[in-house]
Amino acid sequence: ARNYLRGRGFDGDAARKFVLGWAPDGFDLLSRHLYDLKFSRDDIVAAGLAFVNRAQKAQDSFRGRLMFPIYDRAGVPVGFGGRTLTDDGPKYKNTAETELYHKSRLLYGLNWAKAEVGARDEVVVCEGYTDVMGFALAGVPNSVATCGTALTDDHVQILKAFTHKIVLAYDADNAGQSAAERWYHWAAPYDIAENAAARGLTEKKLAQ
C-alpha cells in the first residue's frame, strides 16, 4: 500500500492527512478484533464491515485493500472505499448501503473541503479518492468526489447548499465526457453555473 501511494506521488503526510489505512488479506481479522472490543456481530454487519457467509460466520468485507475512510459532511466516518492492489476482484469496493452509508447522498472529501468551497464560492467535482487528494495537494482543496457512483440529484442539492459554481473535473475519456454532458440537465432546474464542465482538468492539475 505504501509503495502504491509513493508511486502516485503521495507521502506519509498525505496518507495521515486523509487517514488512509490497509485491510489485511485475512478472512476475519477485523471481525475478531472488533469482537475483542466487545462489538456484536450484528453491529459489525450493520456497519458494513463484515457480512455473514454461507457458513453463518462473519467474514470481513474488505480484504487486501488500501482503505479510504468516507465521512459525512460533519466529519463522522460512515463508510469506506477500498482499492485492491492485485488483480483480484473489482478495482474499487465501497461499503454496502447501510443505515449510515448512502452513496447517492455522500461526497468524498466534503468534510475537509466545505470551508474552502464556501471561501472560494466554487467546488470541483472529480472522479475518485486519489483525485481529491491530488487536487488538495496541488492547491485546490475545494474538491470532492462521488463514492463509486454517478452524480445524483441529491449530490447536486448538497453542493448547492455551499455554492452555485460547480466545476466538473472528469477524465477526458468517453465516460467522463458523457458524465459532464449530463450535467446540463441540472443547470437550469437547480440554478447553478451552466459552464460547469471542465474535462481533463484532473490530469492537468496533477501534472503540475
Protein backbone atom coordinates (compact mmCIF):
# COMPACT_ATOMS: atom_id res chain seq x y z
CA ALA A 1 0.00 0.00 0.00
CA ARG A 2 2.83 2.40 0.84
CA ASN A 3 4.59 1.59 -2.42
CA TYR A 4 1.40 2.22 -4.39
CA LEU A 5 0.89 5.60 -2.70
CA ARG A 6 4.51 6.61 -3.26
CA GLY A 7 4.11 5.66 -6.91
CA ARG A 8 1.16 8.04 -7.12
CA GLY A 9 3.18 10.84 -5.50
CA PHE A 10 1.66 10.65 -2.01
CA ASP A 11 3.92 10.52 1.05
CA GLY A 12 3.24 9.63 4.67
CA ASP A 13 1.97 13.11 5.47
CA ALA A 14 -0.66 12.79 2.74
CA ALA A 15 -1.67 9.34 3.98
CA ARG A 16 -2.10 10.69 7.51
CA LYS A 17 -3.95 13.80 6.34
CA PHE A 18 -6.56 11.67 4.56
CA VAL A 19 -6.48 8.95 7.26
CA LEU A 20 -5.62 6.15 4.83
CA GLY A 21 -5.26 2.58 6.03
CA TRP A 22 -4.79 -1.02 4.99
CA ALA A 23 -7.13 -4.00 5.25
CA PRO A 24 -5.03 -7.18 5.64
CA ASP A 25 -5.90 -10.13 3.43
CA GLY A 26 -7.34 -12.21 6.25
CA PHE A 27 -10.65 -14.00 6.47
CA ASP A 28 -11.99 -12.34 9.64
CA LEU A 29 -9.13 -10.39 11.21
CA LEU A 30 -11.15 -7.20 11.64
CA SER A 31 -14.23 -9.04 12.88
CA ARG A 32 -12.24 -10.88 15.55
CA HIS A 33 -10.54 -7.65 16.58
CA LEU A 34 -13.93 -5.97 16.99
CA TYR A 35 -15.25 -8.96 18.92
CA ASP A 36 -12.36 -8.44 21.35
CA LEU A 37 -13.53 -4.84 21.74
CA LYS A 38 -16.99 -6.15 22.69
CA PHE A 39 -18.81 -5.25 19.46
CA SER A 40 -21.53 -7.69 18.48
CA ARG A 41 -21.69 -9.45 15.13
CA ASP A 42 -24.95 -7.64 14.36
CA ASP A 43 -23.27 -4.26 14.89
CA ILE A 44 -20.27 -5.19 12.74
CA VAL A 45 -22.51 -6.36 9.90
CA ALA A 46 -24.84 -3.35 10.23
CA ALA A 47 -21.82 -1.06 9.88
CA GLY A 48 -20.88 -2.76 6.61
CA LEU A 49 -17.54 -4.02 7.96
CA ALA A 50 -18.45 -7.70 7.59
CA PHE A 51 -21.10 -9.97 6.14
CA VAL A 52 -22.46 -13.35 7.16
CA ASN A 53 -21.22 -16.05 4.77
CA ARG A 54 -22.77 -19.38 3.84
CA ALA A 55 -21.22 -20.99 6.88
CA GLN A 56 -23.06 -18.43 9.00
CA LYS A 57 -19.81 -16.82 10.11
CA ALA A 58 -18.80 -13.18 9.93
CA GLN A 59 -16.39 -12.51 7.07
CA ASP A 60 -14.58 -9.19 6.63
CA SER A 61 -15.98 -7.05 3.83
CA PHE A 62 -12.59 -5.54 2.91
CA ARG A 63 -9.53 -7.74 2.46
CA GLY A 64 -6.17 -6.85 0.95
CA ARG A 65 -7.19 -3.30 0.09
CA LEU A 66 -5.91 0.24 0.53
CA MET A 67 -8.62 1.90 2.60
CA PHE A 68 -10.12 5.37 2.21
CA PRO A 69 -12.49 6.29 5.07
CA ILE A 70 -15.57 8.17 3.89
CA TYR A 71 -17.02 10.85 6.15
CA ASP A 72 -20.30 12.69 6.08
CA ARG A 73 -20.22 16.47 5.79
CA ALA A 74 -19.99 16.79 9.60
CA GLY A 75 -16.82 14.70 9.69
CA VAL A 76 -18.38 11.49 11.05
CA PRO A 77 -16.98 8.30 9.44
CA VAL A 78 -19.83 6.37 7.80
CA GLY A 79 -18.14 4.01 5.34
CA PHE A 80 -15.06 3.04 3.36
CA GLY A 81 -13.74 2.77 -0.13
CA GLY A 82 -11.13 0.07 -0.69
CA ARG A 83 -8.74 -0.22 -3.64
CA THR A 84 -7.30 -3.61 -4.47
CA LEU A 85 -3.58 -3.74 -5.22
CA THR A 86 -3.85 -7.10 -7.01
CA ASP A 87 -5.81 -8.41 -9.98
CA ASP A 88 -8.41 -10.00 -7.71
CA GLY A 89 -11.93 -8.59 -7.66
CA PRO A 90 -13.08 -5.12 -8.68
CA LYS A 91 -10.51 -2.33 -8.51
CA TYR A 92 -12.65 -0.37 -6.02
CA LYS A 93 -15.12 -1.64 -3.49
CA ASN A 94 -17.31 0.56 -1.33
CA THR A 95 -19.26 -0.08 1.83
CA ALA A 96 -22.64 -1.56 1.00
CA GLU A 97 -25.68 0.59 1.70
CA THR A 98 -26.29 0.80 5.45
CA GLU A 99 -28.32 3.00 7.78
CA LEU A 100 -25.36 5.39 7.81
CA TYR A 101 -23.86 4.99 4.35
CA HIS A 102 -25.88 6.13 1.33
CA LYS A 103 -23.51 6.68 -1.60
CA SER A 104 -26.04 8.73 -3.56
CA ARG A 105 -26.00 11.30 -0.75
CA LEU A 106 -22.31 11.30 0.15
CA LEU A 107 -19.40 13.18 -1.39
CA TYR A 108 -15.89 12.07 -0.54
CA GLY A 109 -13.81 14.90 0.90
CA LEU A 110 -16.66 17.31 1.60
CA ASN A 111 -15.84 17.23 5.31
CA TRP A 112 -12.38 18.63 4.53
CA ALA A 113 -13.36 20.83 1.58
CA LYS A 114 -16.52 22.58 2.76
CA ALA A 115 -14.77 25.57 4.35
CA GLU A 116 -12.71 26.18 1.20
CA VAL A 117 -15.76 25.67 -1.00
CA GLY A 118 -17.52 28.41 0.92
CA ALA A 119 -14.49 30.70 0.94
CA ARG A 120 -13.86 30.31 -2.81
CA ASP A 121 -17.55 30.05 -3.75
CA GLU A 122 -16.70 27.13 -6.00
CA VAL A 123 -16.43 23.36 -5.77
CA VAL A 124 -14.51 20.97 -8.02
CA VAL A 125 -16.10 17.56 -8.52
CA CYS A 126 -13.68 14.87 -9.65
CA GLU A 127 -13.87 11.13 -10.15
CA GLY A 128 -12.01 9.40 -7.35
CA TYR A 129 -10.43 9.45 -3.92
CA THR A 130 -6.86 9.95 -5.13
CA ASP A 131 -8.06 12.74 -7.43
CA VAL A 132 -9.36 14.60 -4.37
CA MET A 133 -6.02 14.05 -2.64
CA GLY A 134 -4.09 15.22 -5.69
CA PHE A 135 -6.19 18.34 -6.08
CA ALA A 136 -5.80 19.25 -2.42
CA LEU A 137 -2.02 18.82 -2.54
CA ALA A 138 -1.90 20.83 -5.80
CA GLY A 139 -3.57 23.82 -4.14
CA VAL A 140 -7.21 23.02 -4.96
CA PRO A 141 -8.58 21.98 -1.54
CA ASN A 142 -12.18 22.72 -2.56
CA SER A 143 -12.52 19.36 -4.34
CA VAL A 144 -14.82 16.39 -3.72
CA ALA A 145 -15.67 13.11 -5.44
CA THR A 146 -18.66 10.82 -5.70
CA CYS A 147 -18.31 7.46 -3.95
CA GLY A 148 -18.29 4.96 -6.79
CA THR A 149 -21.46 6.25 -8.37
CA ALA A 150 -22.59 8.85 -10.89
CA LEU A 151 -23.54 12.33 -9.73
CA THR A 152 -27.14 12.33 -8.48
CA ASP A 153 -29.84 14.88 -7.76
CA ASP A 154 -29.04 14.51 -4.06
CA HIS A 155 -25.38 15.33 -4.69
CA VAL A 156 -26.33 18.46 -6.60
CA GLN A 157 -28.70 19.56 -3.86
CA ILE A 158 -25.95 19.10 -1.27
CA LEU A 159 -23.42 21.09 -3.30
CA LYS A 160 -25.91 23.85 -3.98
CA ALA A 161 -26.08 24.48 -0.23
CA PHE A 162 -22.42 25.55 -0.37
CA THR A 163 -22.05 27.19 -3.80
CA HIS A 164 -23.73 27.64 -7.17
CA LYS A 165 -20.39 27.35 -9.02
CA ILE A 166 -19.58 23.72 -9.70
CA VAL A 167 -16.69 22.57 -11.88
CA LEU A 168 -16.68 19.01 -13.20
CA ALA A 169 -13.11 17.75 -13.44
CA TYR A 170 -13.70 14.37 -15.03
CA ASP A 171 -11.26 12.39 -17.12
CA ALA A 172 -11.18 13.24 -20.82
CA ASP A 173 -12.45 9.84 -21.92
CA ASN A 174 -15.87 8.83 -23.23
CA ALA A 175 -17.23 8.05 -19.78
CA GLY A 176 -16.02 11.38 -18.40
CA GLN A 177 -17.43 13.35 -21.33
CA SER A 178 -20.80 11.60 -21.04
CA ALA A 179 -20.94 12.38 -17.34
CA ALA A 180 -20.10 16.02 -17.99
CA GLU A 181 -22.80 16.31 -20.65
CA ARG A 182 -25.43 15.03 -18.22
CA TRP A 183 -24.60 17.97 -16.01
CA TYR A 184 -26.55 20.37 -18.21
CA HIS A 185 -29.79 18.65 -17.24
CA TRP A 186 -29.25 20.01 -13.72
CA ALA A 187 -28.07 23.50 -14.57
CA ALA A 188 -31.44 25.19 -15.15
CA PRO A 189 -33.59 23.32 -12.58
CA TYR A 190 -31.08 23.91 -9.78
CA ASP A 191 -29.94 27.38 -10.82
CA ILE A 192 -26.25 26.53 -10.96
CA ALA A 193 -23.48 27.61 -13.29
CA GLU A 194 -24.01 26.17 -16.77
CA ASN A 195 -20.35 26.39 -17.77
CA ALA A 196 -19.51 23.75 -15.18
CA ALA A 197 -17.85 21.07 -17.32
CA ALA A 198 -14.05 21.07 -17.34
CA ARG A 199 -12.88 17.89 -19.00
CA GLY A 200 -9.34 16.68 -18.43
CA LEU A 201 -8.69 19.11 -15.56
CA THR A 202 -7.66 16.29 -13.25
CA GLU A 203 -4.71 15.20 -15.37
CA LYS A 204 -3.54 18.78 -15.91
CA LYS A 205 -3.68 19.68 -12.24
CA LEU A 206 -1.93 16.51 -11.08
CA ALA A 207 0.81 17.08 -13.65
CA GLN A 208 1.66 20.50 -12.22
